[in-house]
Amino acid sequence: MIDIHNHNKTKTMIAKKVESALNQQIELEASSSQYYLAMASWAETQGLEGVAAFLYTHADEERLHMLKLIKYVNERGGQALIPALKAQPQKFKSVQFVFEEVLKHEILVSNEINNCVEVCLKEKDYTTHNFLQWYVSEQIEEEALARKILDKLKFIGGDKSGLYFFDRDLGGIAVADTSAADKGKA
């Protein structure tokens, strides 16, 4: 008979390999947030308020991804580890370079999420596998958005007026994303 009054005896424990993989993902999400903050700060100092707003919003999303993982690990009986982070670059060549880096970084995150999924399957942790499906879907969206932005930048080329409108439009996307997120919290 299960003693429902003794929570510690019945608490599901996350496998150590899964916990380790998720803690690595926590570090990557935290690092991603910092990387996008550095990009946002640079863009803001270049007079690209729309790009900065978009990247600030993106940095916040990465932090929320990290928090979701932290809470999950702890709720499953593991311990989420809060990592020390490395310093991020502070200067970038161009807006196009920034979004090329965003795409590369999102592909890296996708690969690491896939690694977490693989660990879950090997450990037969179908609960965590199910939890990670949200991240798999999120990464599909993140990569597609980065590619779409890069396509627009390639289309603009060196046209300064095109960059002006791009910056303005990207700022509008950031505002829309923030509004949608705020509605989801209510």
Protein backbone atom coordinates (compact mmCIF):
# COMPACT_ATOMS: atom_id res chain seq x y z
CA MET A 1 0.00 0.00 0.00
CA ILE A 2 1.27 3.47 -0.87
CA ASP A 3 1.52 5.91 2.01
CA ILE A 4 -0.05 9.06 0.53
CA HIS A 5 0.95 11.06 3.60
CA ASN A 6 4.67 10.49 3.12
CA HIS A 7 5.45 12.54 0.02
CA ASN A 8 9.19 11.71 -0.06
CA LYS A 9 8.63 7.97 -0.45
CA THR A 10 6.25 8.34 -3.38
CA LYS A 11 7.95 11.22 -5.17
CA THR A 12 9.07 10.34 -8.68
CA MET A 13 12.79 10.89 -9.08
CA ILE A 14 14.21 12.04 -12.36
CA ALA A 15 17.04 9.86 -13.71
CA LYS A 16 20.48 11.36 -13.12
CA LYS A 17 21.33 11.30 -16.85
CA VAL A 18 18.11 13.15 -17.66
CA GLU A 19 18.70 15.62 -14.84
CA SER A 20 22.22 16.27 -16.12
CA ALA A 21 21.01 16.79 -19.70
CA LEU A 22 18.30 19.20 -18.53
CA ASN A 23 20.80 21.11 -16.39
CA GLN A 24 23.00 21.53 -19.46
CA GLN A 25 19.95 22.83 -21.31
CA ILE A 26 19.26 25.26 -18.45
CA GLU A 27 22.77 26.63 -18.92
CA LEU A 28 22.28 26.93 -22.68
CA GLU A 29 18.96 28.77 -22.27
CA ALA A 30 20.55 31.16 -19.75
CA SER A 31 23.49 31.73 -22.08
CA SER A 32 21.09 32.32 -24.98
CA SER A 33 19.29 34.98 -22.99
CA GLN A 34 22.58 36.73 -22.22
CA TYR A 35 23.73 36.48 -25.85
CA TYR A 36 20.53 38.09 -27.11
CA LEU A 37 20.78 40.77 -24.42
CA ALA A 38 24.27 41.64 -25.65
CA MET A 39 22.98 41.82 -29.22
CA ALA A 40 20.04 43.98 -28.12
CA SER A 41 22.31 46.39 -26.26
CA TRP A 42 24.58 46.70 -29.29
CA ALA A 43 21.61 47.30 -31.61
CA GLU A 44 20.23 49.95 -29.28
CA THR A 45 23.54 51.84 -29.33
CA GLN A 46 23.47 51.70 -33.14
CA GLY A 47 20.11 53.48 -33.25
CA LEU A 48 18.25 50.30 -34.19
CA GLU A 49 15.46 50.50 -31.63
CA GLY A 50 13.24 47.97 -33.41
CA VAL A 51 16.00 45.38 -33.65
CA ALA A 52 16.87 46.05 -30.00
CA ALA A 53 13.24 45.66 -28.88
CA PHE A 54 12.95 42.39 -30.81
CA LEU A 55 16.16 41.04 -29.27
CA TYR A 56 15.24 42.18 -25.74
CA THR A 57 11.95 40.30 -26.12
CA HIS A 58 13.80 37.29 -27.46
CA ALA A 59 16.20 37.40 -24.49
CA ASP A 60 13.21 37.41 -22.12
CA GLU A 61 11.73 34.39 -23.91
CA GLU A 62 14.97 32.45 -23.49
CA ARG A 63 14.98 33.27 -19.78
CA LEU A 64 11.41 31.96 -19.51
CA HIS A 65 12.48 28.78 -21.30
CA MET A 66 15.22 28.39 -18.68
CA LEU A 67 12.78 28.97 -15.79
CA LYS A 68 10.37 26.38 -17.19
CA LEU A 69 13.21 23.83 -17.21
CA ILE A 70 14.31 24.77 -13.69
CA LYS A 71 10.82 24.29 -12.29
CA TYR A 72 10.38 21.00 -14.15
CA VAL A 73 13.64 19.50 -12.87
CA ASN A 74 12.85 20.51 -9.30
CA GLU A 75 9.24 19.27 -9.50
CA ARG A 76 10.46 15.88 -10.75
CA GLY A 77 12.68 15.39 -7.70
CA GLY A 78 15.95 16.58 -9.19
CA GLN A 79 17.83 19.77 -8.52
CA ALA A 80 18.16 22.43 -11.16
CA LEU A 81 21.59 24.02 -11.12
CA ILE A 82 21.92 27.74 -11.74
CA PRO A 83 25.01 28.21 -13.89
CA ALA A 84 27.68 30.86 -13.94
CA LEU A 85 27.67 32.45 -17.38
CA LYS A 86 30.52 33.43 -19.66
CA ALA A 87 30.86 36.98 -20.91
CA GLN A 88 29.16 37.58 -24.24
CA PRO A 89 30.51 39.53 -27.22
CA GLN A 90 29.67 43.23 -26.98
CA LYS A 91 30.17 44.34 -30.58
CA PHE A 92 28.79 42.94 -33.79
CA LYS A 93 29.68 43.60 -37.45
CA SER A 94 26.18 44.33 -38.72
CA VAL A 95 22.50 43.61 -38.30
CA GLN A 96 22.79 40.80 -40.84
CA PHE A 97 25.68 39.30 -38.86
CA VAL A 98 23.56 39.45 -35.68
CA PHE A 99 20.73 37.49 -37.27
CA GLU A 100 23.13 35.01 -38.86
CA GLU A 101 24.40 34.40 -35.32
CA VAL A 102 20.82 34.11 -34.04
CA LEU A 103 20.09 31.41 -36.62
CA LYS A 104 23.32 29.53 -35.85
CA HIS A 105 22.54 29.73 -32.15
CA GLU A 106 18.95 28.53 -32.59
CA ILE A 107 20.20 25.55 -34.62
CA LEU A 108 22.61 24.75 -31.76
CA VAL A 109 19.74 24.95 -29.26
CA SER A 110 17.61 22.67 -31.48
CA ASN A 111 20.41 20.11 -31.61
CA GLU A 112 20.81 20.22 -27.83
CA ILE A 113 17.06 19.81 -27.28
CA ASN A 114 17.22 16.78 -29.58
CA ASN A 115 20.06 15.42 -27.44
CA CYS A 116 17.87 15.82 -24.34
CA VAL A 117 15.07 13.97 -26.10
CA GLU A 118 17.48 11.16 -27.00
CA VAL A 119 18.63 10.85 -23.37
CA CYS A 120 14.99 10.65 -22.27
CA LEU A 121 14.26 7.87 -24.74
CA LYS A 122 17.35 5.90 -23.68
CA GLU A 123 16.33 6.28 -20.02
CA LYS A 124 12.70 5.46 -20.83
CA ASP A 125 11.62 8.75 -19.25
CA TYR A 126 8.51 9.33 -21.33
CA THR A 127 7.21 12.02 -18.99
CA THR A 128 10.22 14.25 -19.65
CA HIS A 129 10.14 13.28 -23.32
CA ASN A 130 6.57 14.57 -23.44
CA PHE A 131 7.58 17.76 -21.58
CA LEU A 132 10.37 18.40 -24.09
CA GLN A 133 8.02 18.25 -27.08
CA TRP A 134 7.07 21.86 -26.33
CA TYR A 135 10.74 22.81 -26.78
CA VAL A 136 10.99 20.82 -30.01
CA SER A 137 8.03 22.75 -31.45
CA GLU A 138 9.37 26.05 -30.11
CA GLN A 139 12.70 25.49 -31.86
CA ILE A 140 11.00 24.86 -35.19
CA GLU A 141 9.36 28.29 -34.81
CA GLU A 142 12.58 29.98 -33.63
CA GLU A 143 14.61 28.71 -36.58
CA ALA A 144 11.88 29.61 -39.08
CA LEU A 145 11.65 33.15 -37.69
CA ALA A 146 15.42 33.64 -37.85
CA ARG A 147 15.46 32.41 -41.46
CA LYS A 148 12.58 34.72 -42.38
CA ILE A 149 14.39 37.71 -40.87
CA LEU A 150 17.61 36.81 -42.71
CA ASP A 151 15.70 36.52 -45.98
CA LYS A 152 14.36 40.05 -45.48
CA LEU A 153 17.84 41.37 -44.69
CA LYS A 154 19.29 39.73 -47.80
CA PHE A 155 16.50 41.27 -49.86
CA ILE A 156 17.27 44.72 -48.43
CA GLY A 157 21.00 44.38 -49.00
CA GLY A 158 22.80 47.65 -48.29
CA ASP A 159 19.74 49.86 -48.80
CA LYS A 160 19.61 52.27 -45.81
CA SER A 161 15.94 53.13 -46.29
CA GLY A 162 15.15 49.41 -46.42
CA LEU A 163 17.02 48.95 -43.13
CA TYR A 164 14.99 51.81 -41.63
CA PHE A 165 11.69 50.10 -42.51
CA PHE A 166 13.03 46.70 -41.45
CA ASP A 167 13.98 48.13 -38.05
CA ARG A 168 10.57 49.74 -37.66
CA ASP A 169 8.76 46.53 -38.64
CA LEU A 170 10.87 44.37 -36.33
CA GLY A 171 10.02 46.70 -33.46
CA GLY A 172 6.35 46.12 -34.26
CA ILE A 173 6.88 42.36 -34.06
CA ALA A 174 8.49 42.76 -30.62
CA VAL A 175 5.54 44.82 -29.39
CA ALA A 176 3.06 42.26 -30.75
CA ASP A 177 4.98 39.40 -29.11
CA THR A 178 5.06 41.22 -25.79
CA SER A 179 1.33 41.95 -25.97
CA ALA A 180 0.54 38.33 -26.78
CA ALA A 181 2.71 37.11 -23.90
CA ASP A 182 1.04 39.54 -21.50
CA LYS A 183 -2.41 38.29 -22.54
CA GLY A 184 -1.28 34.71 -21.94
CA LYS A 185 -0.33 35.57 -18.34
CA ALA A 186 -3.77 36.89 -17.47
